[in-house]
Amino acid sequence: RMNYLPSESIIHINDQVVTTGSTVYPRNLILGHVVDAGFDGAGVAKYALLKPAADIRSLEQVFIMTDYNAG
């Protein structure tokens, strides 16, 4: 689930979600497709629920980021 998306974001079911690129990840790496979207409980920001592009059951290694400081 992607949280805190701008409220003006236009999100459609089946939209493809890709990385924007960084020093760690390449640009246009497919993360998944939108299966649901809407406003958060406060109605301030949007969220998108994704179906992962990868078969999670076949992964042997994963990397989980618990904190990220873009500054």
Protein backbone atom coordinates (compact mmCIF):
# COMPACT_ATOMS: atom_id res chain seq x y z
CA ARG A 1 0.00 0.00 0.00
CA MET A 2 1.29 3.43 -0.94
CA ASN A 3 0.16 6.07 1.58
CA TYR A 4 0.23 9.87 1.72
CA LEU A 5 -0.13 10.42 -2.02
CA PRO A 6 -1.09 13.99 -2.96
CA SER A 7 -4.86 14.51 -2.92
CA GLU A 8 -4.72 15.87 -6.49
CA SER A 9 -3.11 12.65 -7.78
CA ILE A 10 -5.05 10.93 -10.55
CA ILE A 11 -4.94 7.19 -9.86
CA HIS A 12 -6.64 4.56 -12.01
CA ILE A 13 -7.13 0.85 -11.39
CA ASN A 14 -4.48 -1.13 -13.36
CA ASP A 15 -2.07 1.86 -13.47
CA GLN A 16 1.50 0.60 -13.54
CA VAL A 17 3.69 1.85 -10.68
CA VAL A 18 7.42 2.24 -11.34
CA THR A 19 10.45 3.65 -9.52
CA THR A 20 11.54 7.19 -10.33
CA GLY A 21 15.20 6.25 -10.06
CA SER A 22 17.84 7.01 -7.44
CA THR A 23 21.43 6.20 -6.63
CA VAL A 24 20.21 2.81 -5.36
CA TYR A 25 17.38 1.83 -7.71
CA PRO A 26 17.16 2.20 -11.49
CA ARG A 27 14.45 4.29 -13.16
CA ASN A 28 11.28 2.52 -14.39
CA LEU A 29 11.66 -0.62 -12.28
CA ILE A 30 8.11 -2.04 -12.22
CA LEU A 31 6.77 -2.35 -8.68
CA GLY A 32 3.22 -3.43 -9.47
CA HIS A 33 -0.24 -2.37 -10.60
CA VAL A 34 -2.96 -0.44 -8.76
CA VAL A 35 -5.84 -2.66 -7.60
CA ASP A 36 -7.58 -0.11 -5.35
CA ALA A 37 -7.22 3.59 -4.53
CA GLY A 38 -8.98 6.23 -2.53
CA PHE A 39 -8.67 8.84 0.21
CA ASP A 40 -7.24 8.10 3.65
CA GLY A 41 -9.48 8.13 6.72
CA ALA A 42 -9.02 11.88 7.21
CA GLY A 43 -9.80 12.58 3.54
CA VAL A 44 -6.59 14.62 3.21
CA ALA A 45 -4.32 12.32 1.20
CA LYS A 46 -4.80 9.43 -1.18
CA TYR A 47 -3.58 5.84 -1.01
CA ALA A 48 -3.06 3.15 -3.64
CA LEU A 49 -3.12 -0.59 -3.03
CA LEU A 50 -0.78 -2.46 -5.37
CA LYS A 51 -0.57 -5.98 -6.73
CA PRO A 52 3.20 -6.63 -6.72
CA ALA A 53 4.86 -7.25 -10.09
CA ALA A 54 7.03 -9.96 -8.53
CA ASP A 55 5.73 -13.30 -7.31
CA ILE A 56 6.39 -12.74 -3.61
CA ARG A 57 6.34 -16.50 -2.94
CA SER A 58 9.36 -17.03 -5.21
CA LEU A 59 11.63 -14.39 -3.64
CA GLU A 60 14.79 -15.63 -1.96
CA GLN A 61 16.04 -12.31 -0.59
CA VAL A 62 14.29 -9.05 0.27
CA PHE A 63 15.43 -5.63 1.48
CA ILE A 64 13.07 -3.72 3.77
CA MET A 65 13.49 0.00 4.39
CA THR A 66 12.10 1.04 7.75
CA ASP A 67 13.18 4.68 7.57
CA TYR A 68 14.19 7.00 4.77
CA ASN A 69 15.53 10.54 4.90
CA ALA A 70 15.50 12.19 1.48
CA GLY A 71 17.24 15.32 2.77
